Structure formats: C-alpha cells, structure tokens
Amino acid sequence: KLAHATAAIARDAGATVTLLELSEFDIPLYNADLEAQGTPADVIRLKEILWQHPAWVICSPEYNGSYTALLKNTIDWASSPVKGNPDWQDGGKSFRGKVVGMLSASPGALGGLRSQSHLAPLLINAECWLAPKAFALGSAGSAFDDSGALIQQAHRDR
C-alpha cells in the first residue's frame, strides 16, 4: 500500500513513475548452480528496467527486523553478471550511480527502521547513492484510507 500511495503522490507532483511489484517477476531463488544454467528472462527484464531509471524508491515491509527475502533475492539476481551477454557482463551496471530512496512499513511503532539499517549497506555496496532522508511508516495497518491513500498529511508530506 505504501508503494502505491507513494507512486500516486509522485505522479501528482509531476514525476514519471514506473511501479514495480517484485511478485510479478518470475525470478527463482538465487543459486549459483542455477545461474550457471542461464539467467532467467525476467532477471534480464528487471535489469533493463532498473538501468533505464536514474532513481528509485525501494518500498519494503519489515520482516523479523529486516527487509524481505524477496527483496534480497531480487537484488542478488539483478546485481549478478550475465556470462556471455555483452550488455550485462557487468553485474553492477543496473545499480551503479542510482539514487535510491528507502521507504518501509510495519505494523510496529518503528515502521521498518531496522530493515532500512540492513538495506542501506547493501545498496551502498552496490554503488547506489542513498537519499539523505528515508521514511518509515509505523502502525501501517491503520495508516491508509479505503482508497489506499495515506490518512495523515504528515505522512504524505514526508
């Protein structure tokens, strides 16, 4: 819900937005033995989308004090070089120099701050530039109206 609300706010502000739902990509669990058999087509598609956008907002729930396994798996695949493919032999191409904003949501009071503290070093290692401010939405279960918009103006402003 936070990703959709953020996309709507960005569009209303005049930004061009591509909203990705990672669950819509057919990407298996990362495994070097599987990768040696060939990179899945949806990984290549994701790499291309990431590369085409100069900035991203990563919006993730917090699971057990960290970001999701789906997000980690996606980053592992998207940052991996593709042998024999001249466009994607450089595993860092999709990430290097991207400006990334971090948003998180959690039913707890911290709103996913712990997940952001884990995600930030991973993105820095991938040579991304992190936006100086992040947003963590606590009590996420009650933060949205029936249409999926953030209820509190302070949340929308941040």
N, C-alpha and C. Protein backbone atom coordinates (compact mmCIF):
# COMPACT_ATOMS: atom_id res chain seq x y z
N LYS A 1 0.83 -1.20 0.00
CA LYS A 1 0.00 0.00 0.00
C LYS A 1 0.87 1.25 0.00
N LEU A 2 1.97 1.22 0.74
CA LEU A 2 2.83 2.40 0.79
C LEU A 2 3.44 2.69 -0.58
N ALA A 3 3.83 1.67 -1.30
CA ALA A 3 4.39 1.87 -2.64
C ALA A 3 3.36 2.51 -3.57
N HIS A 4 2.15 2.03 -3.53
CA HIS A 4 1.10 2.59 -4.39
C HIS A 4 0.77 4.03 -4.00
N ALA A 5 0.68 4.29 -2.70
CA ALA A 5 0.40 5.66 -2.24
C ALA A 5 1.54 6.60 -2.63
N THR A 6 2.78 6.13 -2.51
CA THR A 6 3.93 6.95 -2.87
C THR A 6 3.95 7.24 -4.37
N ALA A 7 3.63 6.24 -5.16
CA ALA A 7 3.58 6.43 -6.62
C ALA A 7 2.53 7.48 -6.98
N ALA A 8 1.39 7.43 -6.32
CA ALA A 8 0.34 8.42 -6.60
C ALA A 8 0.79 9.82 -6.21
N ILE A 9 1.44 9.94 -5.07
CA ILE A 9 1.94 11.25 -4.62
C ILE A 9 2.98 11.78 -5.62
N ALA A 10 3.87 10.92 -6.07
CA ALA A 10 4.91 11.33 -7.02
C ALA A 10 4.30 11.75 -8.35
N ARG A 11 3.32 11.00 -8.83
CA ARG A 11 2.65 11.36 -10.09
C ARG A 11 1.95 12.72 -9.95
N ASP A 12 1.29 12.92 -8.82
CA ASP A 12 0.60 14.20 -8.59
C ASP A 12 1.58 15.37 -8.56
N ALA A 13 2.83 15.08 -8.18
CA ALA A 13 3.87 16.11 -8.14
C ALA A 13 4.55 16.29 -9.50
N GLY A 14 4.15 15.50 -10.49
CA GLY A 14 4.69 15.65 -11.83
C GLY A 14 5.76 14.66 -12.23
N ALA A 15 6.05 13.71 -11.37
CA ALA A 15 7.08 12.71 -11.68
C ALA A 15 6.53 11.64 -12.61
N THR A 16 7.42 11.09 -13.42
CA THR A 16 7.08 9.91 -14.21
C THR A 16 7.42 8.70 -13.36
N VAL A 17 6.46 7.82 -13.18
CA VAL A 17 6.60 6.71 -12.24
C VAL A 17 6.41 5.38 -12.95
N THR A 18 7.30 4.46 -12.68
CA THR A 18 7.13 3.06 -13.07
C THR A 18 7.04 2.27 -11.78
N LEU A 19 5.90 1.71 -11.50
CA LEU A 19 5.69 0.97 -10.26
C LEU A 19 5.95 -0.51 -10.53
N LEU A 20 6.92 -1.07 -9.83
CA LEU A 20 7.24 -2.49 -9.98
C LEU A 20 6.75 -3.26 -8.77
N GLU A 21 6.10 -4.36 -9.03
CA GLU A 21 5.74 -5.31 -7.99
C GLU A 21 6.65 -6.52 -8.21
N LEU A 22 7.55 -6.76 -7.29
CA LEU A 22 8.52 -7.84 -7.48
C LEU A 22 7.85 -9.20 -7.65
N SER A 23 6.69 -9.37 -7.05
CA SER A 23 5.98 -10.64 -7.17
C SER A 23 5.49 -10.90 -8.59
N GLU A 24 5.52 -9.89 -9.46
CA GLU A 24 5.09 -10.06 -10.84
C GLU A 24 6.21 -10.54 -11.76
N PHE A 25 7.41 -10.71 -11.20
CA PHE A 25 8.54 -11.23 -11.96
C PHE A 25 8.73 -12.70 -11.61
N ASP A 26 9.01 -13.50 -12.62
CA ASP A 26 9.26 -14.93 -12.40
C ASP A 26 10.75 -15.12 -12.16
N ILE A 27 11.16 -14.91 -10.92
CA ILE A 27 12.57 -14.99 -10.55
C ILE A 27 12.72 -16.05 -9.46
N PRO A 28 13.46 -17.11 -9.74
CA PRO A 28 13.62 -18.17 -8.74
C PRO A 28 14.57 -17.74 -7.62
N LEU A 29 14.66 -18.56 -6.59
CA LEU A 29 15.64 -18.30 -5.54
C LEU A 29 17.03 -18.32 -6.16
N TYR A 30 17.84 -17.33 -5.77
CA TYR A 30 19.18 -17.25 -6.34
C TYR A 30 20.01 -18.45 -5.90
N ASN A 31 20.71 -19.01 -6.87
CA ASN A 31 21.57 -20.16 -6.64
C ASN A 31 22.61 -20.14 -7.76
N ALA A 32 23.87 -20.12 -7.40
CA ALA A 32 24.93 -20.02 -8.41
C ALA A 32 24.89 -21.19 -9.39
N ASP A 33 24.51 -22.38 -8.92
CA ASP A 33 24.41 -23.52 -9.83
C ASP A 33 23.29 -23.30 -10.85
N LEU A 34 22.18 -22.75 -10.40
CA LEU A 34 21.07 -22.43 -11.30
C LEU A 34 21.49 -21.33 -12.27
N GLU A 35 22.18 -20.32 -11.75
CA GLU A 35 22.65 -19.22 -12.60
C GLU A 35 23.58 -19.73 -13.70
N ALA A 36 24.40 -20.72 -13.40
CA ALA A 36 25.32 -21.28 -14.39
C ALA A 36 24.57 -21.91 -15.56
N GLN A 37 23.32 -22.28 -15.35
CA GLN A 37 22.50 -22.85 -16.42
C GLN A 37 21.87 -21.76 -17.29
N GLY A 38 21.96 -20.52 -16.85
CA GLY A 38 21.41 -19.41 -17.62
C GLY A 38 20.60 -18.48 -16.74
N THR A 39 20.67 -17.21 -17.04
CA THR A 39 19.93 -16.20 -16.28
C THR A 39 18.49 -16.16 -16.77
N PRO A 40 17.52 -16.24 -15.86
CA PRO A 40 16.11 -16.20 -16.27
C PRO A 40 15.77 -14.91 -17.02
N ALA A 41 14.85 -15.02 -17.96
CA ALA A 41 14.45 -13.89 -18.79
C ALA A 41 13.93 -12.72 -17.96
N ASP A 42 13.19 -13.00 -16.88
CA ASP A 42 12.66 -11.91 -16.07
C ASP A 42 13.76 -11.18 -15.30
N VAL A 43 14.89 -11.83 -15.06
CA VAL A 43 16.02 -11.14 -14.44
C VAL A 43 16.59 -10.13 -15.42
N ILE A 44 16.73 -10.53 -16.67
CA ILE A 44 17.21 -9.60 -17.70
C ILE A 44 16.23 -8.44 -17.85
N ARG A 45 14.95 -8.74 -17.86
CA ARG A 45 13.93 -7.69 -17.97
C ARG A 45 14.03 -6.72 -16.79
N LEU A 46 14.22 -7.24 -15.59
CA LEU A 46 14.36 -6.39 -14.42
C LEU A 46 15.63 -5.54 -14.50
N LYS A 47 16.74 -6.14 -14.91
CA LYS A 47 17.99 -5.39 -15.05
C LYS A 47 17.79 -4.20 -16.00
N GLU A 48 17.10 -4.44 -17.10
CA GLU A 48 16.86 -3.37 -18.08
C GLU A 48 16.01 -2.25 -17.49
N ILE A 49 14.97 -2.61 -16.76
CA ILE A 49 14.11 -1.60 -16.14
C ILE A 49 14.90 -0.78 -15.12
N LEU A 50 15.67 -1.46 -14.28
CA LEU A 50 16.46 -0.76 -13.27
C LEU A 50 17.46 0.19 -13.93
N TRP A 51 18.11 -0.28 -14.96
CA TRP A 51 19.13 0.52 -15.65
C TRP A 51 18.53 1.76 -16.31
N GLN A 52 17.30 1.63 -16.82
CA GLN A 52 16.66 2.74 -17.53
C GLN A 52 16.22 3.88 -16.62
N HIS A 53 16.16 3.65 -15.34
CA HIS A 53 15.66 4.65 -14.40
C HIS A 53 16.81 5.21 -13.57
N PRO A 54 16.98 6.53 -13.54
CA PRO A 54 18.09 7.14 -12.81
C PRO A 54 17.91 7.12 -11.30
N ALA A 55 16.68 6.96 -10.85
CA ALA A 55 16.41 6.98 -9.42
C ALA A 55 15.29 6.00 -9.11
N TRP A 56 15.33 5.47 -7.91
CA TRP A 56 14.31 4.52 -7.47
C TRP A 56 13.89 4.87 -6.06
N VAL A 57 12.71 4.41 -5.72
CA VAL A 57 12.27 4.37 -4.34
C VAL A 57 12.01 2.89 -4.04
N ILE A 58 12.73 2.37 -3.09
CA ILE A 58 12.50 0.98 -2.68
C ILE A 58 11.60 1.03 -1.46
N CYS A 59 10.49 0.38 -1.57
CA CYS A 59 9.50 0.37 -0.50
C CYS A 59 9.32 -1.08 -0.06
N SER A 60 9.61 -1.35 1.20
CA SER A 60 9.58 -2.72 1.66
C SER A 60 8.96 -2.82 3.05
N PRO A 61 8.22 -3.88 3.29
CA PRO A 61 7.80 -4.14 4.66
C PRO A 61 9.01 -4.62 5.47
N GLU A 62 8.83 -4.70 6.75
CA GLU A 62 9.88 -5.25 7.61
C GLU A 62 9.42 -6.61 8.09
N TYR A 63 10.28 -7.61 7.87
CA TYR A 63 10.01 -8.96 8.37
C TYR A 63 11.12 -9.32 9.34
N ASN A 64 10.75 -9.63 10.56
CA ASN A 64 11.71 -10.05 11.58
C ASN A 64 12.90 -9.10 11.70
N GLY A 65 12.63 -7.80 11.63
CA GLY A 65 13.66 -6.80 11.83
C GLY A 65 14.54 -6.54 10.63
N SER A 66 14.17 -7.03 9.45
CA SER A 66 14.99 -6.82 8.26
C SER A 66 14.10 -6.69 7.04
N TYR A 67 14.74 -6.48 5.88
CA TYR A 67 13.99 -6.43 4.64
C TYR A 67 13.60 -7.85 4.25
N THR A 68 12.74 -7.96 3.25
CA THR A 68 12.18 -9.26 2.89
C THR A 68 13.17 -10.12 2.11
N ALA A 69 12.96 -11.41 2.18
CA ALA A 69 13.77 -12.35 1.39
C ALA A 69 13.55 -12.10 -0.10
N LEU A 70 12.34 -11.72 -0.48
CA LEU A 70 12.05 -11.42 -1.89
C LEU A 70 12.92 -10.27 -2.38
N LEU A 71 13.06 -9.21 -1.59
CA LEU A 71 13.89 -8.08 -1.99
C LEU A 71 15.35 -8.48 -2.08
N LYS A 72 15.85 -9.22 -1.11
CA LYS A 72 17.25 -9.66 -1.14
C LYS A 72 17.52 -10.55 -2.34
N ASN A 73 16.63 -11.48 -2.60
CA ASN A 73 16.78 -12.38 -3.75
C ASN A 73 16.80 -11.60 -5.06
N THR A 74 15.92 -10.61 -5.16
CA THR A 74 15.85 -9.80 -6.37
C THR A 74 17.14 -9.01 -6.57
N ILE A 75 17.66 -8.43 -5.51
CA ILE A 75 18.92 -7.69 -5.60
C ILE A 75 20.06 -8.62 -5.97
N ASP A 76 20.09 -9.82 -5.40
CA ASP A 76 21.15 -10.78 -5.72
C ASP A 76 21.14 -11.12 -7.21
N TRP A 77 19.97 -11.40 -7.76
CA TRP A 77 19.89 -11.71 -9.18
C TRP A 77 20.23 -10.49 -10.04
N ALA A 78 19.65 -9.33 -9.71
CA ALA A 78 19.81 -8.14 -10.54
C ALA A 78 21.24 -7.61 -10.53
N SER A 79 22.00 -7.94 -9.51
CA SER A 79 23.39 -7.46 -9.42
C SER A 79 24.40 -8.49 -9.89
N SER A 80 23.92 -9.59 -10.38
CA SER A 80 24.82 -10.65 -10.81
C SER A 80 25.16 -10.51 -12.30
N PRO A 81 26.43 -10.68 -12.66
CA PRO A 81 26.79 -10.60 -14.09
C PRO A 81 26.18 -11.75 -14.88
N VAL A 82 25.91 -11.48 -16.15
CA VAL A 82 25.37 -12.50 -17.04
C VAL A 82 26.47 -12.87 -18.02
N LYS A 83 27.02 -14.05 -17.85
CA LYS A 83 28.12 -14.50 -18.69
C LYS A 83 27.68 -14.60 -20.15
N GLY A 84 28.53 -14.11 -21.03
CA GLY A 84 28.26 -14.20 -22.45
C GLY A 84 27.30 -13.15 -22.97
N ASN A 85 26.81 -12.27 -22.11
CA ASN A 85 25.90 -11.21 -22.55
C ASN A 85 26.64 -9.89 -22.44
N PRO A 86 27.01 -9.29 -23.58
CA PRO A 86 27.83 -8.07 -23.53
C PRO A 86 27.15 -6.92 -22.80
N ASP A 87 25.82 -6.88 -22.78
CA ASP A 87 25.12 -5.80 -22.08
C ASP A 87 25.14 -5.97 -20.57
N TRP A 88 25.21 -7.20 -20.11
CA TRP A 88 25.04 -7.46 -18.68
C TRP A 88 26.20 -8.22 -18.05
N GLN A 89 27.37 -8.22 -18.68
CA GLN A 89 28.54 -8.85 -18.07
C GLN A 89 28.97 -8.13 -16.80
N ASP A 90 28.67 -6.84 -16.75
CA ASP A 90 28.96 -6.02 -15.57
C ASP A 90 27.76 -6.12 -14.63
N GLY A 91 27.90 -6.87 -13.55
CA GLY A 91 26.80 -7.06 -12.62
C GLY A 91 26.33 -5.79 -11.95
N GLY A 92 27.21 -4.80 -11.84
CA GLY A 92 26.85 -3.56 -11.17
C GLY A 92 26.16 -2.54 -12.04
N LYS A 93 26.06 -2.82 -13.34
CA LYS A 93 25.53 -1.83 -14.29
C LYS A 93 24.14 -1.32 -13.90
N SER A 94 23.27 -2.19 -13.43
CA SER A 94 21.90 -1.78 -13.11
C SER A 94 21.82 -0.92 -11.85
N PHE A 95 22.86 -0.97 -11.01
CA PHE A 95 22.81 -0.30 -9.71
C PHE A 95 23.71 0.93 -9.61
N ARG A 96 24.86 0.87 -10.24
CA ARG A 96 25.89 1.90 -10.07
C ARG A 96 25.37 3.29 -10.36
N GLY A 97 25.50 4.18 -9.36
CA GLY A 97 25.13 5.57 -9.53
C GLY A 97 23.66 5.89 -9.38
N LYS A 98 22.83 4.91 -9.11
CA LYS A 98 21.39 5.17 -8.95
C LYS A 98 21.16 5.88 -7.62
N VAL A 99 20.25 6.83 -7.63
CA VAL A 99 19.82 7.50 -6.41
C VAL A 99 18.62 6.71 -5.87
N VAL A 100 18.71 6.30 -4.62
CA VAL A 100 17.69 5.42 -4.07
C VAL A 100 17.11 6.00 -2.78
N GLY A 101 15.82 6.09 -2.74
CA GLY A 101 15.10 6.45 -1.52
C GLY A 101 14.58 5.18 -0.88
N MET A 102 14.64 5.13 0.43
CA MET A 102 14.16 3.95 1.15
C MET A 102 12.89 4.29 1.91
N LEU A 103 11.87 3.48 1.72
CA LEU A 103 10.63 3.57 2.46
C LEU A 103 10.34 2.19 3.04
N SER A 104 9.79 2.18 4.22
CA SER A 104 9.41 0.90 4.82
C SER A 104 8.11 1.07 5.58
N ALA A 105 7.47 -0.03 5.84
CA ALA A 105 6.22 -0.03 6.58
C ALA A 105 6.18 -1.26 7.47
N SER A 106 5.57 -1.07 8.62
CA SER A 106 5.47 -2.16 9.58
C SER A 106 4.29 -1.90 10.50
N PRO A 107 3.66 -2.93 11.00
CA PRO A 107 2.60 -2.71 11.98
C PRO A 107 3.14 -2.18 13.31
N GLY A 108 4.42 -2.35 13.54
CA GLY A 108 5.04 -1.88 14.77
C GLY A 108 5.30 -0.38 14.76
N ALA A 109 5.71 0.13 15.91
CA ALA A 109 5.92 1.57 16.07
C ALA A 109 7.11 2.09 15.28
N LEU A 110 8.13 1.27 15.03
CA LEU A 110 9.33 1.73 14.34
C LEU A 110 9.15 1.83 12.83
N GLY A 111 8.13 1.21 12.29
CA GLY A 111 7.82 1.36 10.88
C GLY A 111 8.81 0.76 9.91
N GLY A 112 9.69 -0.08 10.39
CA GLY A 112 10.65 -0.71 9.49
C GLY A 112 12.03 -0.09 9.53
N LEU A 113 12.32 0.74 10.50
CA LEU A 113 13.65 1.37 10.59
C LEU A 113 14.77 0.34 10.63
N ARG A 114 14.53 -0.77 11.32
CA ARG A 114 15.57 -1.81 11.38
C ARG A 114 15.85 -2.39 10.00
N SER A 115 14.82 -2.55 9.20
CA SER A 115 15.03 -3.10 7.85
C SER A 115 15.85 -2.13 7.02
N GLN A 116 15.60 -0.83 7.18
CA GLN A 116 16.38 0.17 6.44
C GLN A 116 17.84 0.14 6.85
N SER A 117 18.11 -0.11 8.13
CA SER A 117 19.50 -0.15 8.59
C SER A 117 20.24 -1.34 8.00
N HIS A 118 19.52 -2.37 7.58
CA HIS A 118 20.13 -3.52 6.91
C HIS A 118 20.25 -3.30 5.40
N LEU A 119 19.25 -2.64 4.84
CA LEU A 119 19.22 -2.43 3.39
C LEU A 119 20.25 -1.40 2.94
N ALA A 120 20.46 -0.37 3.74
CA ALA A 120 21.37 0.71 3.34
C ALA A 120 22.77 0.21 2.99
N PRO A 121 23.43 -0.61 3.81
CA PRO A 121 24.77 -1.08 3.44
C PRO A 121 24.78 -1.92 2.17
N LEU A 122 23.72 -2.68 1.94
CA LEU A 122 23.63 -3.49 0.73
C LEU A 122 23.59 -2.59 -0.50
N LEU A 123 22.80 -1.52 -0.45
CA LEU A 123 22.70 -0.60 -1.58
C LEU A 123 23.99 0.19 -1.78
N ILE A 124 24.62 0.59 -0.70
CA ILE A 124 25.90 1.29 -0.81
C ILE A 124 26.94 0.38 -1.44
N ASN A 125 26.96 -0.87 -1.04
CA ASN A 125 27.89 -1.84 -1.62
C ASN A 125 27.65 -2.01 -3.12
N ALA A 126 26.39 -1.83 -3.54
CA ALA A 126 26.04 -1.92 -4.97
C ALA A 126 26.32 -0.61 -5.70
N GLU A 127 26.93 0.35 -5.01
CA GLU A 127 27.33 1.65 -5.55
C GLU A 127 26.16 2.57 -5.87
N CYS A 128 25.09 2.43 -5.09
CA CYS A 128 23.96 3.35 -5.18
C CYS A 128 24.22 4.55 -4.27
N TRP A 129 23.56 5.65 -4.58
CA TRP A 129 23.56 6.84 -3.73
C TRP A 129 22.25 6.83 -2.96
N LEU A 130 22.32 6.87 -1.64
CA LEU A 130 21.09 6.86 -0.84
C LEU A 130 20.60 8.28 -0.61
N ALA A 131 19.30 8.48 -0.77
CA ALA A 131 18.71 9.77 -0.43
C ALA A 131 18.96 10.03 1.05
N PRO A 132 19.22 11.28 1.43
CA PRO A 132 19.59 11.56 2.81
C PRO A 132 18.47 11.34 3.81
N LYS A 133 17.23 11.31 3.36
CA LYS A 133 16.12 11.04 4.26
C LYS A 133 15.38 9.79 3.79
N ALA A 134 14.98 9.00 4.74
CA ALA A 134 14.17 7.82 4.47
C ALA A 134 12.85 7.99 5.23
N PHE A 135 11.91 7.12 4.93
CA PHE A 135 10.61 7.20 5.61
C PHE A 135 10.22 5.82 6.10
N ALA A 136 9.86 5.76 7.37
CA ALA A 136 9.40 4.51 7.98
C ALA A 136 7.99 4.74 8.53
N LEU A 137 7.04 3.97 8.04
CA LEU A 137 5.64 4.13 8.41
C LEU A 137 5.27 3.11 9.48
N GLY A 138 5.11 3.59 10.70
CA GLY A 138 4.66 2.73 11.79
C GLY A 138 3.15 2.59 11.78
N SER A 139 2.67 1.58 12.49
CA SER A 139 1.23 1.31 12.57
C SER A 139 0.60 1.29 11.18
N ALA A 140 1.28 0.63 10.26
CA ALA A 140 0.87 0.65 8.85
C ALA A 140 -0.52 0.09 8.62
N GLY A 141 -0.97 -0.80 9.47
CA GLY A 141 -2.29 -1.38 9.28
C GLY A 141 -3.43 -0.39 9.37
N SER A 142 -3.20 0.73 10.04
CA SER A 142 -4.25 1.74 10.18
C SER A 142 -3.87 3.08 9.54
N ALA A 143 -2.86 3.09 8.70
CA ALA A 143 -2.34 4.34 8.13
C ALA A 143 -2.98 4.74 6.80
N PHE A 144 -3.82 3.88 6.24
CA PHE A 144 -4.37 4.12 4.90
C PHE A 144 -5.89 4.19 4.96
N ASP A 145 -6.47 5.00 4.06
CA ASP A 145 -7.92 5.04 3.96
C ASP A 145 -8.39 3.91 3.04
N ASP A 146 -9.69 3.84 2.80
CA ASP A 146 -10.25 2.76 1.99
C ASP A 146 -9.77 2.77 0.55
N SER A 147 -9.32 3.94 0.05
CA SER A 147 -8.82 4.02 -1.33
C SER A 147 -7.32 3.73 -1.41
N GLY A 148 -6.66 3.50 -0.27
CA GLY A 148 -5.23 3.20 -0.26
C GLY A 148 -4.34 4.41 -0.07
N ALA A 149 -4.92 5.59 0.14
CA ALA A 149 -4.13 6.80 0.37
C ALA A 149 -3.73 6.89 1.84
N LEU A 150 -2.59 7.50 2.09
CA LEU A 150 -2.17 7.74 3.46
C LEU A 150 -3.14 8.71 4.12
N ILE A 151 -3.56 8.41 5.32
CA ILE A 151 -4.54 9.23 6.02
C ILE A 151 -3.93 10.53 6.52
N GLN A 152 -2.76 10.44 7.15
CA GLN A 152 -2.16 11.62 7.77
C GLN A 152 -1.40 12.47 6.76
N GLN A 153 -1.68 13.76 6.76
CA GLN A 153 -0.98 14.68 5.89
C GLN A 153 0.53 14.66 6.16
N ALA A 154 0.93 14.53 7.41
CA ALA A 154 2.36 14.49 7.76
C ALA A 154 3.05 13.32 7.07
N HIS A 155 2.37 12.20 6.95
CA HIS A 155 2.95 11.05 6.25
C HIS A 155 3.07 11.33 4.75
N ARG A 156 2.06 11.93 4.18
CA ARG A 156 2.11 12.26 2.75
C ARG A 156 3.23 13.27 2.48
N ASP A 157 3.40 14.23 3.36
CA ASP A 157 4.45 15.24 3.18
C ASP A 157 5.85 14.62 3.23
N ARG A 158 6.05 13.66 4.07
CA ARG A 158 7.37 13.05 4.21
C ARG A 158 7.67 12.15 3.04
